[in-house]
C-alpha atoms as a PDB file:
ATOM      1  CA  MET A   1     164.023 -34.949 -92.063  1.00  0.00           C
ATOM      2  CA  GLU A   2     166.064 -32.963 -94.511  1.00  0.00           C
ATOM      3  CA  GLU A   3     169.835 -33.253 -94.398  1.00  0.00           C
ATOM      4  CA  ILE A   4     172.109 -30.391 -95.360  1.00  0.00           C
ATOM      5  CA  SER A   5     175.835 -30.123 -95.904  1.00  0.00           C
ATOM      6  CA  ILE A   6     177.678 -27.309 -94.163  1.00  0.00           C
ATOM      7  CA  THR A   7     181.320 -26.383 -93.720  1.00  0.00           C
ATOM      8  CA  VAL A   8     182.564 -25.402 -90.287  1.00  0.00           C
ATOM      9  CA  GLU A   9     185.991 -24.314 -89.137  1.00  0.00           C
ATOM     10  CA  ILE A  10     187.589 -25.953 -86.131  1.00  0.00           C
ATOM     11  CA  ALA A  11     191.085 -24.963 -85.023  1.00  0.00           C
ATOM     12  CA  GLY A  12     191.723 -23.264 -88.346  1.00  0.00           C
ATOM     13  CA  ARG A  13     190.679 -26.215 -90.486  1.00  0.00           C
ATOM     14  CA  PRO A  14     187.498 -26.476 -92.553  1.00  0.00           C
ATOM     15  CA  TYR A  15     185.303 -29.543 -92.095  1.00  0.00           C
ATOM     16  CA  LYS A  16     182.381 -30.414 -94.328  1.00  0.00           C
ATOM     17  CA  VAL A  17     179.653 -32.204 -92.388  1.00  0.00           C
ATOM     18  CA  THR A  18     176.169 -33.439 -93.181  1.00  0.00           C
ATOM     19  CA  ILE A  19     173.576 -32.743 -90.505  1.00  0.00           C
ATOM     20  CA  LEU A  20     169.816 -32.497 -90.134  1.00  0.00           C
ATOM     21  CA  ARG A  21     168.529 -29.042 -91.002  1.00  0.00           C
ATOM     22  CA  SER A  22     166.739 -28.933 -87.638  1.00  0.00           C
ATOM     23  CA  GLU A  23     170.096 -29.335 -85.867  1.00  0.00           C
ATOM     24  CA  GLU A  24     171.985 -26.647 -87.776  1.00  0.00           C
ATOM     25  CA  GLU A  25     171.607 -23.877 -85.195  1.00  0.00           C
ATOM     26  CA  MET A  26     172.667 -26.136 -82.341  1.00  0.00           C
ATOM     27  CA  PHE A  27     175.586 -27.478 -84.388  1.00  0.00           C
ATOM     28  CA  ARG A  28     176.867 -23.999 -85.267  1.00  0.00           C
ATOM     29  CA  LYS A  29     176.540 -22.983 -81.624  1.00  0.00           C
ATOM     30  CA  ALA A  30     178.610 -26.027 -80.645  1.00  0.00           C
ATOM     31  CA  VAL A  31     181.325 -24.987 -83.105  1.00  0.00           C
ATOM     32  CA  LYS A  32     181.317 -21.474 -81.624  1.00  0.00           C
ATOM     33  CA  VAL A  33     181.555 -22.789 -78.048  1.00  0.00           C
ATOM     34  CA  LEU A  34     184.382 -25.098 -79.092  1.00  0.00           C
ATOM     35  CA  ALA A  35     186.281 -22.184 -80.628  1.00  0.00           C
ATOM     36  CA  GLU A  36     185.819 -20.159 -77.440  1.00  0.00           C
ATOM     37  CA  LYS A  37     187.036 -23.044 -75.269  1.00  0.00           C
ATOM     38  CA  LEU A  38     190.064 -23.593 -77.508  1.00  0.00           C
ATOM     39  CA  LYS A  39     190.945 -19.913 -77.202  1.00  0.00           C
ATOM     40  CA  GLU A  40     190.413 -20.011 -73.428  1.00  0.00           C
ATOM     41  CA  TYR A  41     192.632 -23.070 -72.968  1.00  0.00           C
ATOM     42  CA  SER A  42     195.305 -21.688 -75.275  1.00  0.00           C
ATOM     43  CA  GLN A  43     195.470 -18.431 -73.305  1.00  0.00           C
ATOM     44  CA  SER A  44     194.996 -19.780 -69.782  1.00  0.00           C
ATOM     45  CA  TYR A  45     197.504 -22.581 -70.060  1.00  0.00           C
ATOM     46  CA  ALA A  46     199.880 -21.029 -72.616  1.00  0.00           C
ATOM     47  CA  ILE A  47     199.259 -23.919 -74.982  1.00  0.00           C
ATOM     48  CA  LYS A  48     201.021 -23.482 -78.285  1.00  0.00           C
ATOM     49  CA  ASP A  49     199.928 -26.712 -79.997  1.00  0.00           C
ATOM     50  CA  VAL A  50     196.266 -26.636 -81.004  1.00  0.00           C
ATOM     51  CA  GLN A  51     196.118 -30.438 -80.742  1.00  0.00           C
ATOM     52  CA  ASP A  52     196.915 -30.179 -77.026  1.00  0.00           C
ATOM     53  CA  ALA A  53     194.119 -27.627 -76.588  1.00  0.00           C
ATOM     54  CA  LEU A  54     191.723 -29.860 -78.536  1.00  0.00           C
ATOM     55  CA  ALA A  55     192.653 -32.808 -76.323  1.00  0.00           C
ATOM     56  CA  LEU A  56     191.981 -30.830 -73.132  1.00  0.00           C
ATOM     57  CA  VAL A  57     188.660 -29.493 -74.428  1.00  0.00           C
ATOM     58  CA  ALA A  58     187.630 -33.004 -75.498  1.00  0.00           C
ATOM     59  CA  LEU A  59     188.541 -34.307 -72.044  1.00  0.00           C
ATOM     60  CA  GLN A  60     186.531 -31.551 -70.347  1.00  0.00           C
ATOM     61  CA  TYR A  61     183.419 -32.173 -72.433  1.00  0.00           C
ATOM     62  CA  THR A  62     183.690 -35.945 -72.213  1.00  0.00           C
ATOM     63  CA  SER A  63     183.957 -35.852 -68.424  1.00  0.00           C
ATOM     64  CA  SER A  64     181.001 -33.445 -68.253  1.00  0.00           C
ATOM     65  CA  SER A  65     178.974 -35.696 -70.528  1.00  0.00           C
ATOM     66  CA  LEU A  66     179.727 -38.746 -68.382  1.00  0.00           C
ATOM     67  CA  LYS A  67     178.765 -36.812 -65.246  1.00  0.00           C
ATOM     68  CA  TYR A  68     175.415 -35.809 -66.737  1.00  0.00           C
ATOM     69  CA  GLU A  69     174.759 -39.330 -68.027  1.00  0.00           C
ATOM     70  CA  ASP A  70     175.363 -40.649 -64.511  1.00  0.00           C
ATOM     71  CA  GLN A  71     173.016 -38.027 -63.032  1.00  0.00           C
ATOM     72  CA  ALA A  72     170.344 -38.880 -65.594  1.00  0.00           C
ATOM     73  CA  THR A  73     170.663 -42.589 -64.795  1.00  0.00           C
ATOM     74  CA  ASN A  74     170.323 -41.878 -61.077  1.00  0.00           C
ATOM     75  CA  GLU A  75     167.296 -39.644 -61.672  1.00  0.00           C
ATOM     76  CA  SER A  76     165.691 -42.312 -63.863  1.00  0.00           C
ATOM     77  CA  SER A  77     166.247 -44.941 -61.176  1.00  0.00           C
ATOM     78  CA  ARG A  78     164.655 -42.718 -58.528  1.00  0.00           C
ATOM     79  CA  LEU A  79     161.741 -41.955 -60.812  1.00  0.00           C
ATOM     80  CA  ILE A  80     161.159 -45.654 -61.505  1.00  0.00           C
ATOM     81  CA  GLU A  81     161.214 -46.363 -57.758  1.00  0.00           C
ATOM     82  CA  LYS A  82     158.642 -43.640 -57.106  1.00  0.00           C
ATOM     83  CA  LEU A  83     156.430 -44.824 -59.954  1.00  0.00           C
ATOM     84  CA  ASN A  84     156.587 -48.372 -58.589  1.00  0.00           C
ATOM     85  CA  GLU A  85     155.589 -47.072 -55.151  1.00  0.00           C
ATOM     86  CA  ILE A  86     152.639 -45.194 -56.675  1.00  0.00           C
ATOM     87  CA  ASP A  87     151.648 -48.273 -58.676  1.00  0.00           C
ATOM     88  CA  THR A  88     151.736 -50.400 -55.518  1.00  0.00           C
ATOM     89  CA  ILE A  89     149.594 -47.900 -53.624  1.00  0.00           C
ATOM     90  CA  LEU A  90     147.090 -47.682 -56.491  1.00  0.00           C
ATOM     91  CA  ASN A  91     146.896 -51.468 -56.782  1.00  0.00           C
ATOM     92  CA  GLN A  92     146.336 -51.828 -53.019  1.00  0.00           C
ATOM     93  CA  ASN A  93     143.590 -49.217 -53.041  1.00  0.00           C
ATOM     94  CA  SER A  94     141.865 -50.538 -56.156  1.00  0.00           C
ATOM     95  CA  THR A  95     141.362 -53.975 -54.597  1.00  0.00           C
ATOM     96  CA  VAL A  96     139.813 -52.558 -51.430  1.00  0.00           C
END
């Protein structure tokens, strides 16, 4: 895959990052969502220090990520159980 170098602005600072070309659209969208969340936190909570807003946004997204990881793990476990049940049924019926 082809890598490209882009510059994005987060909290008023430019950052040069190297990403896969196929991920550019998603990456730019993430930067836009981050900017919107920073603005939202700054206005809603009267936050003056951008580092405080960044910390709160990071906390929000990290907790959401952990929640979704936990849900995915639970779904995977249930799926494995169901597949094992199906495998057992198929094995019982194939020997009959």
